[in-house]
Protein backbone atom coordinates (compact mmCIF):
# COMPACT_ATOMS: atom_id res chain seq x y z
CA UNK A 1 16.49 153.12 184.21
CA UNK A 2 19.76 151.44 183.23
CA UNK A 3 21.27 151.90 179.79
CA UNK A 4 22.33 148.40 178.72
CA UNK A 5 24.14 148.33 175.39
CA UNK A 6 26.37 145.27 174.97
CA UNK A 7 24.70 142.22 176.42
CA UNK A 8 26.28 138.82 176.88
CA UNK A 9 23.51 136.21 176.75
CA UNK A 10 24.69 132.85 178.04
CA UNK A 11 22.81 129.85 176.71
CA UNK A 12 21.32 131.96 173.94
CA UNK A 13 20.81 128.98 171.61
CA UNK A 14 18.57 127.23 174.14
CA UNK A 15 14.84 127.52 174.70
CA UNK A 16 14.49 130.61 176.90
CA UNK A 17 17.72 132.26 175.73
CA UNK A 18 16.82 132.13 172.03
CA UNK A 19 13.36 133.45 172.78
CA UNK A 20 14.96 136.29 174.76
CA UNK A 21 17.22 137.22 171.82
CA UNK A 22 14.25 137.23 169.43
CA UNK A 23 12.20 139.30 171.85
CA UNK A 24 14.87 141.87 172.68
CA UNK A 25 16.19 142.47 169.15
CA UNK A 26 12.58 142.88 168.03
CA UNK A 27 12.10 145.85 170.35
CA UNK A 28 12.36 149.29 168.76
CA UNK A 29 13.68 150.78 172.01
CA UNK A 30 16.73 148.47 172.12
CA UNK A 31 19.52 149.41 169.72
CA UNK A 32 22.39 147.63 171.46
CA UNK A 33 24.34 144.48 170.64
CA UNK A 34 23.88 140.87 171.78
CA UNK A 35 26.72 138.39 172.12
CA UNK A 36 25.40 134.85 172.40
CA UNK A 37 27.74 132.48 174.27
CA UNK A 38 26.58 128.88 174.04
CA UNK A 39 28.39 125.54 174.24
CA UNK A 40 25.80 123.93 171.92
CA UNK A 41 25.14 120.95 174.14
CA UNK A 42 22.19 118.70 173.20
CA UNK A 43 19.64 121.44 173.99
CA UNK A 44 21.41 124.31 172.19
CA UNK A 45 20.33 124.78 168.60
CA UNK A 46 21.42 127.61 166.32
CA UNK A 47 18.53 126.80 164.02
CA UNK A 48 16.44 128.69 166.59
CA UNK A 49 18.26 131.86 165.53
CA UNK A 50 18.49 131.62 161.73
CA UNK A 51 16.45 134.76 161.15
CA UNK A 52 18.39 136.64 163.83
CA UNK A 53 21.70 135.75 162.19
CA UNK A 54 20.37 136.80 158.79
CA UNK A 55 19.00 140.14 159.96
CA UNK A 56 21.45 141.21 162.67
CA UNK A 57 24.55 139.05 162.17
CA UNK A 58 27.35 139.19 159.62
CA UNK A 59 24.88 139.50 156.75
CA UNK A 60 23.77 142.87 158.10
CA UNK A 61 27.22 144.31 157.47
CA UNK A 62 26.92 143.42 153.78
CA UNK A 63 23.95 145.78 153.53
CA UNK A 64 25.80 148.57 155.29
CA UNK A 65 23.92 148.14 158.57
CA UNK A 66 25.64 147.82 161.93
CA UNK A 67 26.06 144.27 163.11
CA UNK A 68 24.15 143.70 166.35
CA UNK A 69 24.32 139.92 166.88
CA UNK A 70 27.42 137.81 167.44
CA UNK A 71 27.73 134.13 168.28
CA UNK A 72 30.57 132.66 170.33
CA UNK A 73 30.65 128.90 170.73
CA UNK A 74 32.12 127.83 174.03
CA UNK A 75 31.76 126.59 177.58
CA UNK A 76 31.00 129.06 180.38
CA UNK A 77 33.48 127.08 182.51
CA UNK A 78 36.29 128.03 180.11
CA UNK A 79 37.67 131.06 181.89
CA UNK A 80 40.07 132.15 179.16
CA UNK A 81 37.27 132.12 176.59
CA UNK A 82 34.97 134.11 178.86
CA UNK A 83 37.74 136.64 179.53
CA UNK A 84 38.44 137.03 175.79
CA UNK A 85 34.75 137.51 175.11
CA UNK A 86 34.42 140.23 177.77
CA UNK A 87 37.51 141.99 176.40
CA UNK A 88 36.73 141.70 172.68
CA UNK A 89 33.14 142.92 172.91
CA UNK A 90 33.47 145.20 175.95
CA UNK A 91 30.58 143.52 177.71
CA UNK A 92 28.62 145.77 180.07
CA UNK A 93 25.73 143.40 180.83
CA UNK A 94 25.33 139.67 181.43
CA UNK A 95 22.03 137.82 181.42
CA UNK A 96 22.85 134.30 182.53
CA UNK A 97 20.42 131.71 181.15
CA UNK A 98 22.92 128.90 180.54
CA UNK A 99 22.18 125.88 182.72
CA UNK A 100 21.63 122.17 182.75
CA UNK A 101 17.95 122.13 183.62
CA UNK A 102 16.27 118.75 183.24
CA UNK A 103 15.48 117.12 186.59
CA UNK A 104 15.44 113.55 185.27
CA UNK A 105 18.85 114.00 183.69
CA UNK A 106 20.19 115.45 186.95
CA UNK A 107 19.10 112.32 188.80
CA UNK A 108 20.92 110.08 186.32
CA UNK A 109 24.03 112.25 185.99
CA UNK A 110 24.42 115.02 188.57
CA UNK A 111 28.07 115.89 187.82
CA UNK A 112 27.27 117.85 184.65
CA UNK A 113 24.78 119.93 186.62
CA UNK A 114 27.29 120.81 189.31
CA UNK A 115 29.91 121.68 186.71
CA UNK A 116 27.76 123.93 184.50
CA UNK A 117 25.41 125.44 187.05
CA UNK A 118 27.90 126.00 189.86
CA UNK A 119 31.39 126.21 188.33
CA UNK A 120 30.10 127.91 185.18
CA UNK A 121 28.25 130.55 187.17
CA UNK A 122 31.32 131.12 189.36
CA UNK A 123 33.48 131.62 186.26
CA UNK A 124 31.12 134.21 184.79
CA UNK A 125 30.79 136.07 188.09
CA UNK A 126 34.51 136.18 188.68
CA UNK A 127 35.37 137.32 185.17
CA UNK A 128 32.71 140.04 185.43
CA UNK A 129 34.15 141.14 188.78
CA UNK A 130 37.63 141.48 187.29
CA UNK A 131 36.47 143.11 184.06
CA UNK A 132 34.24 145.69 185.74
CA UNK A 133 36.55 146.70 188.57
CA UNK A 134 37.93 150.24 188.38
CA UNK A 135 41.59 151.08 189.14
CA UNK A 136 40.42 152.42 192.50
CA UNK A 137 39.11 148.98 193.36
CA UNK A 138 35.50 150.12 193.23
CA UNK A 139 33.02 148.50 190.88
CA UNK A 140 31.63 150.26 187.81
CA UNK A 141 28.05 151.44 188.23
CA UNK A 142 27.06 151.24 184.55
CA UNK A 143 27.13 147.42 184.39
CA UNK A 144 24.84 144.59 185.47
CA UNK A 145 24.91 140.83 185.97
CA UNK A 146 21.44 139.28 185.88
CA UNK A 147 21.23 135.70 187.13
CA UNK A 148 18.26 133.62 185.97
CA UNK A 149 17.11 130.93 188.39
CA UNK A 150 14.12 128.74 189.13
CA UNK A 151 11.39 128.29 191.72
CA UNK A 152 12.62 124.71 192.24
CA UNK A 153 15.29 126.00 194.65
CA UNK A 154 12.49 126.54 197.20
CA UNK A 155 11.51 122.89 197.34
CA UNK A 156 7.91 121.70 197.53
CA UNK A 157 4.79 123.55 198.69
CA UNK A 158 1.81 122.10 200.51
CA UNK A 159 -1.74 122.58 199.31
CA UNK A 160 -1.67 126.25 200.29
CA UNK A 161 0.79 129.13 200.21
CA UNK A 162 3.21 130.55 197.68
CA UNK A 163 6.93 130.97 197.20
CA UNK A 164 8.06 134.51 197.98
CA UNK A 165 11.48 136.11 197.73
CA UNK A 166 11.90 135.37 201.47
CA UNK A 167 11.08 131.64 201.23
CA UNK A 168 13.98 129.53 202.60
CA UNK A 169 15.80 127.42 200.05
CA UNK A 170 15.02 123.68 200.24
CA UNK A 171 16.14 122.02 196.97
CA UNK A 172 15.14 118.38 196.47
CA UNK A 173 17.01 117.29 193.29
CA UNK A 174 20.59 117.59 192.03
CA UNK A 175 19.31 120.12 189.49
CA UNK A 176 17.62 122.39 192.02
CA UNK A 177 20.53 122.01 194.46
CA UNK A 178 22.99 123.16 191.78
CA UNK A 179 20.80 126.15 190.95
CA UNK A 180 20.48 127.01 194.65
CA UNK A 181 24.27 126.98 194.93
CA UNK A 182 24.59 129.27 191.93
CA UNK A 183 22.05 131.69 193.44
CA UNK A 184 24.05 131.88 196.66
CA UNK A 185 27.27 132.47 194.73
CA UNK A 186 25.67 135.27 192.74
CA UNK A 187 24.42 137.04 195.85
CA UNK A 188 27.77 136.51 197.59
CA UNK A 189 29.53 138.32 194.73
CA UNK A 190 27.17 141.25 195.16
CA UNK A 191 27.62 141.49 198.91
CA UNK A 192 31.35 140.72 199.01
CA UNK A 193 32.61 142.55 195.93
CA UNK A 194 29.84 145.02 195.19
CA UNK A 195 29.06 143.39 191.84
CA UNK A 196 25.93 145.07 190.42
CA UNK A 197 23.57 142.11 190.28
CA UNK A 198 19.91 141.18 190.09
CA UNK A 199 18.41 137.70 190.37
CA UNK A 200 15.11 136.19 189.31
CA UNK A 201 13.39 132.92 190.17
CA UNK A 202 10.79 131.88 187.63
CA UNK A 203 8.07 129.26 187.40
CA UNK A 204 7.78 126.66 184.61
CA UNK A 205 8.24 128.20 181.17
CA UNK A 206 6.60 126.98 177.97
CA UNK A 207 6.47 128.15 174.36
CA UNK A 208 8.26 127.82 170.97
CA UNK A 209 11.71 126.23 170.62
CA UNK A 210 11.46 124.20 173.84
CA UNK A 211 13.46 120.96 173.69
CA UNK A 212 11.08 118.01 173.25
CA UNK A 213 12.09 116.27 176.49
CA UNK A 214 10.04 118.83 178.47
CA UNK A 215 6.45 118.10 179.44
CA UNK A 216 4.40 120.24 177.05
CA UNK A 217 6.32 119.61 173.79
CA UNK A 218 6.80 115.93 174.69
CA UNK A 219 3.06 115.45 175.10
CA UNK A 220 2.21 117.38 171.92
CA UNK A 221 4.62 115.36 169.81
CA UNK A 222 3.67 112.01 171.34
CA UNK A 223 0.03 112.74 170.55
CA UNK A 224 0.88 113.45 166.92
CA UNK A 225 2.77 110.14 166.69
CA UNK A 226 0.28 108.05 168.64
CA UNK A 227 2.78 107.29 171.39
CA UNK A 228 1.99 106.84 175.11
CA UNK A 229 1.51 109.98 177.18
CA UNK A 230 3.50 109.19 180.36
CA UNK A 231 2.25 110.76 183.59
CA UNK A 232 4.28 110.50 186.79
CA UNK A 233 2.56 109.08 189.88
CA UNK A 234 -1.08 110.12 190.22
CA UNK A 235 -0.71 113.13 187.90
CA UNK A 236 -1.69 115.54 190.66
CA UNK A 237 1.63 117.38 190.89
CA UNK A 238 1.00 121.09 190.43
CA UNK A 239 3.09 123.61 188.49
CA UNK A 240 2.74 127.34 187.90
CA UNK A 241 3.03 127.92 184.12
CA UNK A 242 4.52 131.05 182.51
CA UNK A 243 4.66 131.85 178.81
CA UNK A 244 8.26 132.39 177.73
CA UNK A 245 7.68 135.87 176.28
CA UNK A 246 6.14 137.03 179.55
CA UNK A 247 9.18 135.65 181.36
CA UNK A 248 11.58 137.49 179.08
CA UNK A 249 9.71 140.76 179.42
CA UNK A 250 9.97 140.37 183.19
CA UNK A 251 13.72 139.67 182.97
CA UNK A 252 14.26 142.77 180.85
CA UNK A 253 12.16 144.87 183.22
CA UNK A 254 14.28 143.71 186.15
CA UNK A 255 17.50 144.35 184.22
CA UNK A 256 16.46 147.90 183.43
CA UNK A 257 14.79 148.92 186.67
CA UNK A 258 15.43 146.32 189.37
CA UNK A 259 17.40 147.26 192.45
CA UNK A 260 20.90 145.81 192.61
CA UNK A 261 21.23 143.07 195.19
CA UNK A 262 17.56 142.14 195.12
CA UNK A 263 15.75 139.04 193.94
CA UNK A 264 12.44 139.02 192.07
CA UNK A 265 10.03 136.13 191.60
CA UNK A 266 8.50 135.74 188.14
CA UNK A 267 5.34 133.65 188.04
CA UNK A 268 2.43 132.86 185.79
CA UNK A 269 -0.07 132.85 188.69
CA UNK A 270 -1.43 129.92 186.76
CA UNK A 271 -1.46 126.61 188.65
CA UNK A 272 -2.34 123.38 186.87
CA UNK A 273 -2.22 119.75 187.92
CA UNK A 274 -0.21 117.79 185.38
CA UNK A 275 -3.17 115.59 184.48
CA UNK A 276 -5.47 118.58 183.97
CA UNK A 277 -2.86 120.24 181.80
CA UNK A 278 -2.57 117.09 179.70
CA UNK A 279 -6.34 116.91 179.29
CA UNK A 280 -6.42 120.51 178.02
CA UNK A 281 -3.51 119.83 175.68
CA UNK A 282 -5.39 116.84 174.28
CA UNK A 283 -8.35 119.08 173.48
CA UNK A 284 -6.14 121.66 171.74
CA UNK A 285 -4.09 119.15 169.74
CA UNK A 286 -7.24 117.31 168.68
CA UNK A 287 -8.79 120.59 167.53
CA UNK A 288 -5.70 121.97 165.77
CA UNK A 289 -4.51 118.71 164.17
CA UNK A 290 -7.91 117.16 163.42
CA UNK A 291 -7.35 114.16 165.70
CA UNK A 292 -9.80 112.20 167.84
CA UNK A 293 -9.64 113.42 171.44
CA UNK A 294 -10.99 110.15 172.87
CA UNK A 295 -8.23 108.18 171.15
CA UNK A 296 -5.62 110.60 172.51
CA UNK A 297 -6.98 110.20 176.05
CA UNK A 298 -6.51 106.47 175.64
CA UNK A 299 -2.76 107.09 175.29
CA UNK A 300 -2.45 108.41 178.88
CA UNK A 301 -0.14 106.05 180.80
CA UNK A 302 0.62 106.41 184.49
CA UNK A 303 4.23 105.58 185.34
CA UNK A 304 6.24 105.25 188.55
CA UNK A 305 6.89 108.61 190.18
CA UNK A 306 10.42 109.98 189.98
CA UNK A 307 12.57 110.31 193.14
CA UNK A 308 12.22 113.59 195.02
CA UNK A 309 9.29 114.76 192.87
CA UNK A 310 8.09 118.07 194.35
CA UNK A 311 4.33 118.12 194.80
CA UNK A 312 3.49 121.74 194.12
CA UNK A 313 5.15 124.97 192.96
CA UNK A 314 3.40 128.34 193.00
CA UNK A 315 5.00 131.78 192.88
CA UNK A 316 3.97 135.02 194.51
CA UNK A 317 5.19 137.65 192.04
CA UNK A 318 3.45 140.61 193.68
CA UNK A 319 6.80 142.29 194.44
CA UNK A 320 7.69 142.43 190.74
CA UNK A 321 4.24 143.70 189.88
CA UNK A 322 4.08 146.38 192.56
CA UNK A 323 7.67 147.66 192.41
CA UNK A 324 8.41 147.43 188.67
CA UNK A 325 4.97 147.39 187.07
CA UNK A 326 5.30 144.09 185.20
CA UNK A 327 2.35 141.81 184.56
CA UNK A 328 1.60 138.78 182.43
CA UNK A 329 0.18 139.53 178.99
CA UNK A 330 -0.54 136.04 177.58
CA UNK A 331 -3.34 133.89 179.00
CA UNK A 332 -2.58 130.22 179.49
CA UNK A 333 -5.11 129.09 176.90
CA UNK A 334 -3.73 131.56 174.36
CA UNK A 335 -0.13 130.56 175.10
CA UNK A 336 -0.90 126.84 174.93
CA UNK A 337 -2.68 127.23 171.60
CA UNK A 338 0.21 129.28 170.17
CA UNK A 339 2.64 126.61 171.38
CA UNK A 340 0.63 123.76 169.84
CA UNK A 341 0.43 125.64 166.54
CA UNK A 342 4.18 126.31 166.58
CA UNK A 343 5.06 122.62 166.95
CA UNK A 344 2.51 121.66 164.29
CA UNK A 345 3.99 124.26 161.93
CA UNK A 346 7.63 123.28 162.43
CA UNK A 347 7.88 119.52 161.75
CA UNK A 348 11.33 119.84 160.15
CA UNK A 349 12.75 121.56 163.25
CA UNK A 350 11.18 118.88 165.44
CA UNK A 351 12.50 116.05 163.28
CA UNK A 352 16.05 117.40 163.24
CA UNK A 353 16.09 118.05 166.99
CA UNK A 354 14.69 114.65 167.94
CA UNK A 355 17.03 112.77 165.60
CA UNK A 356 20.12 114.84 166.41
CA UNK A 357 20.36 115.84 162.74
CA UNK A 358 20.37 119.53 163.70
CA UNK A 359 24.07 119.00 164.49
CA UNK A 360 24.69 118.25 160.84
CA UNK A 361 22.57 121.26 159.90
CA UNK A 362 24.70 123.54 162.08
CA UNK A 363 27.93 122.22 160.58
CA UNK A 364 26.58 122.64 157.05
CA UNK A 365 24.83 125.99 157.38
CA UNK A 366 26.64 127.96 160.04
CA UNK A 367 30.21 129.05 160.65
CA UNK A 368 30.92 130.32 164.17
CA UNK A 369 32.07 133.96 164.15
């Protein structure tokens, strides 16, 4: 098992990254430090980490405790900033969440996806290679770069079968193509330079703090406001859903015990057609918010399908289960209900995120350190 002590989390103010920071710092068996590097684009929100800053950030030093959380605002494409961060904090581990990740946005503006997902990943890999290289030219063995990717790099499945770690890449959108390129770069740095590296491809995540443009929070919030519930095409596209905490536990398991140079699929083993998922969400929101389910069903609106819309994703994560002993711990119904309750309980967060007012909140309440 690896001893990981000073972890650079890229994109730590985003949905999965902030959940990872909460999850890891809440573990009694982790006593290391986390350095959160985030550019604070539209989907990065430091409000997700208020309690982390208060308990483990600068305020901790005032109580005599060791500071274990640091935030660095910046772009992963900024090489000089990344180099300074590695040097200042003596980074021994990277977990790379930072990415442009919304397919619709990638169709409208692919350049940002190529820049962040490809050039940004290259910058991190190359700085890590330089920082972790010994005078002999060999690479340190007590370090790790973990690259977080998606099942979308594999393309679209038919009615049967599953994505495995050996599935050929076949990306269909600018987003998935940029992630595929970053995966290849990551593996090339392992094979060419000996960079200690693991890689994971995960299925669709859901849970607290997810930006409201994504399917599940979008539908929850539109129901609460009586807005249309837009469904692409015939609504029969299938996704494999994974609760964010289960994903982060899998990432940490791979980081501690995964074999360098190997990839691991992380899946929910939980396939749902989009329309069936929406119908279940309607039932939960109606129950939790006291709304009329029939009225909510009347809000379902079928819209023109998006270009290159993959029909089905489904992950075979048996390798991760058999080799490293991970398994999902949250059922889909339990995770969905927790997610619905979280959005119902955090209307101020939702309002600030949807209006963009969280930017003002950050400027007023937080000073980057």
